[in-house]
Amino acid sequence: MTIAPPILPALRQLPPERASAEAARQLETVFLTQLLQAMRRTVPESDLLPRSPERETYEGVFDGAVAEALAERDPLGLVGAVAGRLKSEPRSTDSQGGGPEDRAR
């Protein structure tokens, strides 16, 4: 189980250009954490280190730390792609629509 910190209030305090990059980095961190956990499930179990709540906690924290370190380097290009997309999308402030469902029409 992964518990993400409440980052949304912190993102709202950043300038929009930094907030989009930070949001993209957090997204890549979550994705990489899930990827590492999925990879770990493919490794066969052994009696050397039996399953325990302590081991699961350690592995969860370890996977999160590795994912954060990896996300700093943007190995998948996700941060650049998402941040670029967020920067290029116009922000609509009117109440007449402008959301993603309105743009699809």
N, C-alpha and C. Protein backbone atom coordinates (compact mmCIF):
# COMPACT_ATOMS: atom_id res chain seq x y z
N MET A 1 0.84 -1.17 0.00
CA MET A 1 0.00 0.00 0.00
C MET A 1 0.89 1.24 0.00
N THR A 2 0.59 2.18 -0.89
CA THR A 2 1.36 3.40 -1.00
C THR A 2 0.52 4.56 -0.49
N ILE A 3 1.10 5.37 0.38
CA ILE A 3 0.40 6.53 0.89
C ILE A 3 1.13 7.76 0.36
N ALA A 4 0.44 8.52 -0.48
CA ALA A 4 1.02 9.72 -1.07
C ALA A 4 0.80 10.91 -0.14
N PRO A 5 1.78 11.81 -0.06
CA PRO A 5 1.61 12.99 0.78
C PRO A 5 0.57 13.92 0.16
N PRO A 6 -0.10 14.73 0.99
CA PRO A 6 -1.08 15.67 0.44
C PRO A 6 -0.37 16.81 -0.27
N ILE A 7 -0.15 16.66 -1.55
CA ILE A 7 0.66 17.61 -2.29
C ILE A 7 -0.15 18.71 -2.97
N LEU A 8 -1.43 18.51 -3.17
CA LEU A 8 -2.23 19.48 -3.90
C LEU A 8 -2.16 20.88 -3.29
N PRO A 9 -2.31 21.06 -1.97
CA PRO A 9 -2.17 22.42 -1.42
C PRO A 9 -0.80 23.02 -1.69
N ALA A 10 0.24 22.22 -1.64
CA ALA A 10 1.58 22.74 -1.91
C ALA A 10 1.73 23.15 -3.37
N LEU A 11 1.10 22.41 -4.29
CA LEU A 11 1.17 22.77 -5.71
C LEU A 11 0.46 24.08 -5.99
N ARG A 12 -0.60 24.34 -5.27
CA ARG A 12 -1.35 25.59 -5.49
C ARG A 12 -0.55 26.81 -5.09
N GLN A 13 0.44 26.64 -4.23
CA GLN A 13 1.26 27.77 -3.79
C GLN A 13 2.40 28.07 -4.74
N LEU A 14 2.69 27.15 -5.65
CA LEU A 14 3.79 27.35 -6.61
C LEU A 14 3.30 28.14 -7.82
N PRO A 15 4.23 28.81 -8.51
CA PRO A 15 3.86 29.45 -9.78
C PRO A 15 3.40 28.37 -10.76
N PRO A 16 2.48 28.70 -11.67
CA PRO A 16 1.92 27.70 -12.58
C PRO A 16 2.96 26.89 -13.36
N GLU A 17 4.04 27.51 -13.81
CA GLU A 17 5.03 26.76 -14.59
C GLU A 17 5.77 25.75 -13.72
N ARG A 18 6.03 26.07 -12.47
CA ARG A 18 6.68 25.11 -11.57
C ARG A 18 5.70 24.07 -11.08
N ALA A 19 4.44 24.47 -10.89
CA ALA A 19 3.43 23.54 -10.39
C ALA A 19 3.19 22.42 -11.39
N SER A 20 3.15 22.76 -12.68
CA SER A 20 2.91 21.71 -13.68
C SER A 20 4.07 20.73 -13.74
N ALA A 21 5.29 21.23 -13.62
CA ALA A 21 6.45 20.33 -13.63
C ALA A 21 6.46 19.45 -12.38
N GLU A 22 6.13 20.02 -11.24
CA GLU A 22 6.10 19.24 -9.99
C GLU A 22 4.99 18.21 -10.01
N ALA A 23 3.83 18.57 -10.54
CA ALA A 23 2.73 17.62 -10.65
C ALA A 23 3.12 16.47 -11.57
N ALA A 24 3.79 16.78 -12.67
CA ALA A 24 4.24 15.75 -13.60
C ALA A 24 5.28 14.84 -12.94
N ARG A 25 6.17 15.43 -12.15
CA ARG A 25 7.18 14.62 -11.45
C ARG A 25 6.52 13.69 -10.44
N GLN A 26 5.52 14.18 -9.73
CA GLN A 26 4.80 13.35 -8.78
C GLN A 26 4.06 12.21 -9.49
N LEU A 27 3.50 12.52 -10.65
CA LEU A 27 2.82 11.48 -11.43
C LEU A 27 3.81 10.39 -11.84
N GLU A 28 4.99 10.81 -12.30
CA GLU A 28 5.99 9.83 -12.69
C GLU A 28 6.47 9.03 -11.48
N THR A 29 6.56 9.66 -10.32
CA THR A 29 6.96 8.95 -9.10
C THR A 29 5.93 7.87 -8.75
N VAL A 30 4.66 8.21 -8.84
CA VAL A 30 3.61 7.21 -8.55
C VAL A 30 3.68 6.08 -9.57
N PHE A 31 3.84 6.42 -10.84
CA PHE A 31 3.91 5.40 -11.89
C PHE A 31 5.11 4.49 -11.67
N LEU A 32 6.27 5.06 -11.37
CA LEU A 32 7.47 4.25 -11.16
C LEU A 32 7.34 3.38 -9.90
N THR A 33 6.69 3.90 -8.86
CA THR A 33 6.46 3.10 -7.65
C THR A 33 5.62 1.88 -7.99
N GLN A 34 4.54 2.10 -8.74
CA GLN A 34 3.68 0.99 -9.14
C GLN A 34 4.45 0.00 -10.03
N LEU A 35 5.29 0.51 -10.90
CA LEU A 35 6.10 -0.35 -11.77
C LEU A 35 7.05 -1.21 -10.95
N LEU A 36 7.73 -0.61 -9.99
CA LEU A 36 8.66 -1.37 -9.14
C LEU A 36 7.92 -2.43 -8.32
N GLN A 37 6.76 -2.09 -7.81
CA GLN A 37 5.98 -3.07 -7.05
C GLN A 37 5.53 -4.22 -7.94
N ALA A 38 5.13 -3.92 -9.17
CA ALA A 38 4.73 -4.97 -10.10
C ALA A 38 5.92 -5.86 -10.46
N MET A 39 7.08 -5.25 -10.64
CA MET A 39 8.28 -6.04 -10.94
C MET A 39 8.64 -6.94 -9.76
N ARG A 40 8.49 -6.43 -8.56
CA ARG A 40 8.81 -7.21 -7.37
C ARG A 40 7.91 -8.44 -7.26
N ARG A 41 6.65 -8.31 -7.67
CA ARG A 41 5.72 -9.45 -7.60
C ARG A 41 6.10 -10.57 -8.56
N THR A 42 6.93 -10.29 -9.55
CA THR A 42 7.33 -11.34 -10.50
C THR A 42 8.47 -12.20 -9.97
N VAL A 43 9.12 -11.75 -8.89
CA VAL A 43 10.24 -12.51 -8.32
C VAL A 43 9.67 -13.63 -7.46
N PRO A 44 10.10 -14.87 -7.69
CA PRO A 44 9.59 -15.98 -6.88
C PRO A 44 9.95 -15.82 -5.40
N GLU A 45 9.06 -16.24 -4.54
CA GLU A 45 9.30 -16.19 -3.10
C GLU A 45 10.30 -17.26 -2.69
N SER A 46 11.04 -16.98 -1.62
CA SER A 46 11.95 -17.98 -1.07
C SER A 46 11.82 -17.97 0.45
N ASP A 47 12.42 -18.96 1.08
CA ASP A 47 12.38 -19.05 2.54
C ASP A 47 13.45 -18.18 3.19
N LEU A 48 14.32 -17.59 2.38
CA LEU A 48 15.40 -16.78 2.94
C LEU A 48 14.83 -15.56 3.68
N LEU A 49 13.92 -14.85 3.05
CA LEU A 49 13.25 -13.71 3.67
C LEU A 49 11.75 -13.93 3.58
N PRO A 50 11.15 -14.52 4.60
CA PRO A 50 9.71 -14.80 4.52
C PRO A 50 8.89 -13.52 4.51
N ARG A 51 7.70 -13.62 3.95
CA ARG A 51 6.76 -12.49 3.90
C ARG A 51 6.38 -12.08 5.31
N SER A 52 6.36 -10.78 5.58
CA SER A 52 5.94 -10.27 6.88
C SER A 52 5.49 -8.82 6.69
N PRO A 53 4.71 -8.30 7.63
CA PRO A 53 4.30 -6.90 7.53
C PRO A 53 5.49 -5.94 7.52
N GLU A 54 6.52 -6.28 8.29
CA GLU A 54 7.71 -5.43 8.33
C GLU A 54 8.41 -5.39 6.98
N ARG A 55 8.51 -6.55 6.34
CA ARG A 55 9.15 -6.61 5.03
C ARG A 55 8.35 -5.83 4.00
N GLU A 56 7.03 -5.95 4.04
CA GLU A 56 6.19 -5.22 3.09
C GLU A 56 6.32 -3.71 3.29
N THR A 57 6.40 -3.27 4.55
CA THR A 57 6.60 -1.85 4.83
C THR A 57 7.95 -1.38 4.29
N TYR A 58 9.00 -2.14 4.57
CA TYR A 58 10.32 -1.79 4.09
C TYR A 58 10.35 -1.71 2.56
N GLU A 59 9.78 -2.71 1.91
CA GLU A 59 9.80 -2.73 0.44
C GLU A 59 8.99 -1.57 -0.13
N GLY A 60 7.88 -1.22 0.51
CA GLY A 60 7.08 -0.09 0.05
C GLY A 60 7.84 1.22 0.15
N VAL A 61 8.51 1.43 1.28
CA VAL A 61 9.30 2.65 1.47
C VAL A 61 10.48 2.66 0.50
N PHE A 62 11.13 1.51 0.34
CA PHE A 62 12.26 1.41 -0.57
C PHE A 62 11.83 1.72 -2.01
N ASP A 63 10.73 1.12 -2.45
CA ASP A 63 10.24 1.36 -3.81
C ASP A 63 9.90 2.83 -4.01
N GLY A 64 9.30 3.45 -3.01
CA GLY A 64 8.98 4.88 -3.11
C GLY A 64 10.22 5.74 -3.22
N ALA A 65 11.25 5.42 -2.43
CA ALA A 65 12.49 6.20 -2.46
C ALA A 65 13.21 6.03 -3.80
N VAL A 66 13.25 4.81 -4.30
CA VAL A 66 13.88 4.56 -5.61
C VAL A 66 13.11 5.28 -6.71
N ALA A 67 11.78 5.23 -6.63
CA ALA A 67 10.95 5.89 -7.64
C ALA A 67 11.17 7.40 -7.62
N GLU A 68 11.28 7.99 -6.43
CA GLU A 68 11.55 9.43 -6.34
C GLU A 68 12.90 9.78 -6.95
N ALA A 69 13.92 8.99 -6.64
CA ALA A 69 15.24 9.24 -7.20
C ALA A 69 15.24 9.11 -8.72
N LEU A 70 14.52 8.12 -9.22
CA LEU A 70 14.43 7.95 -10.67
C LEU A 70 13.66 9.09 -11.32
N ALA A 71 12.56 9.50 -10.70
CA ALA A 71 11.72 10.55 -11.28
C ALA A 71 12.47 11.88 -11.39
N GLU A 72 13.44 12.11 -10.52
CA GLU A 72 14.24 13.34 -10.60
C GLU A 72 14.97 13.43 -11.95
N ARG A 73 15.31 12.27 -12.52
CA ARG A 73 16.04 12.23 -13.80
C ARG A 73 15.10 12.09 -15.00
N ASP A 74 13.81 11.91 -14.78
CA ASP A 74 12.79 11.77 -15.82
C ASP A 74 13.19 10.70 -16.85
N PRO A 75 13.39 9.44 -16.39
CA PRO A 75 13.88 8.41 -17.31
C PRO A 75 12.88 8.02 -18.40
N LEU A 76 11.61 8.21 -18.17
CA LEU A 76 10.59 7.82 -19.14
C LEU A 76 10.15 8.99 -20.02
N GLY A 77 10.61 10.19 -19.68
CA GLY A 77 10.19 11.37 -20.43
C GLY A 77 8.79 11.82 -20.08
N LEU A 78 8.23 11.23 -19.05
CA LEU A 78 6.86 11.56 -18.65
C LEU A 78 6.75 12.98 -18.11
N VAL A 79 7.74 13.40 -17.32
CA VAL A 79 7.70 14.74 -16.74
C VAL A 79 7.72 15.79 -17.85
N GLY A 80 8.61 15.63 -18.81
CA GLY A 80 8.68 16.59 -19.91
C GLY A 80 7.42 16.61 -20.75
N ALA A 81 6.87 15.45 -21.02
CA ALA A 81 5.67 15.36 -21.85
C ALA A 81 4.45 15.93 -21.15
N VAL A 82 4.24 15.54 -19.90
CA VAL A 82 3.05 16.00 -19.16
C VAL A 82 3.17 17.49 -18.84
N ALA A 83 4.34 17.92 -18.38
CA ALA A 83 4.52 19.34 -18.06
C ALA A 83 4.34 20.19 -19.31
N GLY A 84 4.87 19.73 -20.43
CA GLY A 84 4.71 20.46 -21.68
C GLY A 84 3.26 20.53 -22.10
N ARG A 85 2.55 19.45 -21.91
CA ARG A 85 1.12 19.42 -22.26
C ARG A 85 0.32 20.35 -21.35
N LEU A 86 0.64 20.34 -20.05
CA LEU A 86 -0.07 21.21 -19.12
C LEU A 86 0.21 22.68 -19.40
N LYS A 87 1.43 22.99 -19.81
CA LYS A 87 1.78 24.38 -20.12
C LYS A 87 1.08 24.86 -21.38
N SER A 88 0.92 23.96 -22.37
CA SER A 88 0.36 24.38 -23.65
C SER A 88 -1.15 24.45 -23.65
N GLU A 89 -1.82 23.80 -22.68
CA GLU A 89 -3.28 23.85 -22.63
C GLU A 89 -3.74 25.19 -22.10
N PRO A 90 -4.64 25.86 -22.81
CA PRO A 90 -5.17 27.13 -22.30
C PRO A 90 -6.05 26.88 -21.08
N ARG A 91 -5.96 27.78 -20.13
CA ARG A 91 -6.78 27.67 -18.93
C ARG A 91 -8.06 28.47 -19.15
N SER A 92 -9.17 27.81 -18.97
CA SER A 92 -10.46 28.45 -19.14
C SER A 92 -10.99 28.88 -17.79
N THR A 93 -11.35 30.16 -17.67
CA THR A 93 -11.88 30.66 -16.40
C THR A 93 -13.37 30.96 -16.49
N ASP A 94 -13.94 30.86 -17.69
CA ASP A 94 -15.36 31.15 -17.81
C ASP A 94 -16.18 29.96 -17.33
N SER A 95 -17.43 30.22 -17.00
CA SER A 95 -18.29 29.15 -16.49
C SER A 95 -19.12 28.52 -17.60
N GLN A 96 -18.84 28.87 -18.86
CA GLN A 96 -19.58 28.34 -19.99
C GLN A 96 -19.01 27.05 -20.52
N GLY A 97 -18.10 26.45 -19.81
CA GLY A 97 -17.51 25.19 -20.27
C GLY A 97 -16.02 25.36 -20.43
N GLY A 98 -15.49 24.72 -21.44
CA GLY A 98 -14.07 24.77 -21.69
C GLY A 98 -13.33 23.61 -21.09
N GLY A 99 -14.05 22.71 -20.44
CA GLY A 99 -13.42 21.53 -19.87
C GLY A 99 -13.10 20.50 -20.94
N PRO A 100 -12.43 19.42 -20.60
CA PRO A 100 -12.06 18.41 -21.58
C PRO A 100 -13.25 17.85 -22.34
N GLU A 101 -14.40 17.69 -21.65
CA GLU A 101 -15.55 17.14 -22.35
C GLU A 101 -16.11 18.11 -23.37
N ASP A 102 -15.94 19.43 -23.13
CA ASP A 102 -16.41 20.42 -24.08
C ASP A 102 -15.49 20.52 -25.29
N ARG A 103 -14.20 20.29 -25.09
CA ARG A 103 -13.24 20.38 -26.20
C ARG A 103 -13.40 19.21 -27.16
N ALA A 104 -13.93 18.09 -26.70
CA ALA A 104 -14.08 16.90 -27.55
C ALA A 104 -15.21 17.06 -28.56
N ARG A 105 -16.06 18.04 -28.37
CA ARG A 105 -17.20 18.23 -29.29
C ARG A 105 -16.82 18.96 -30.53
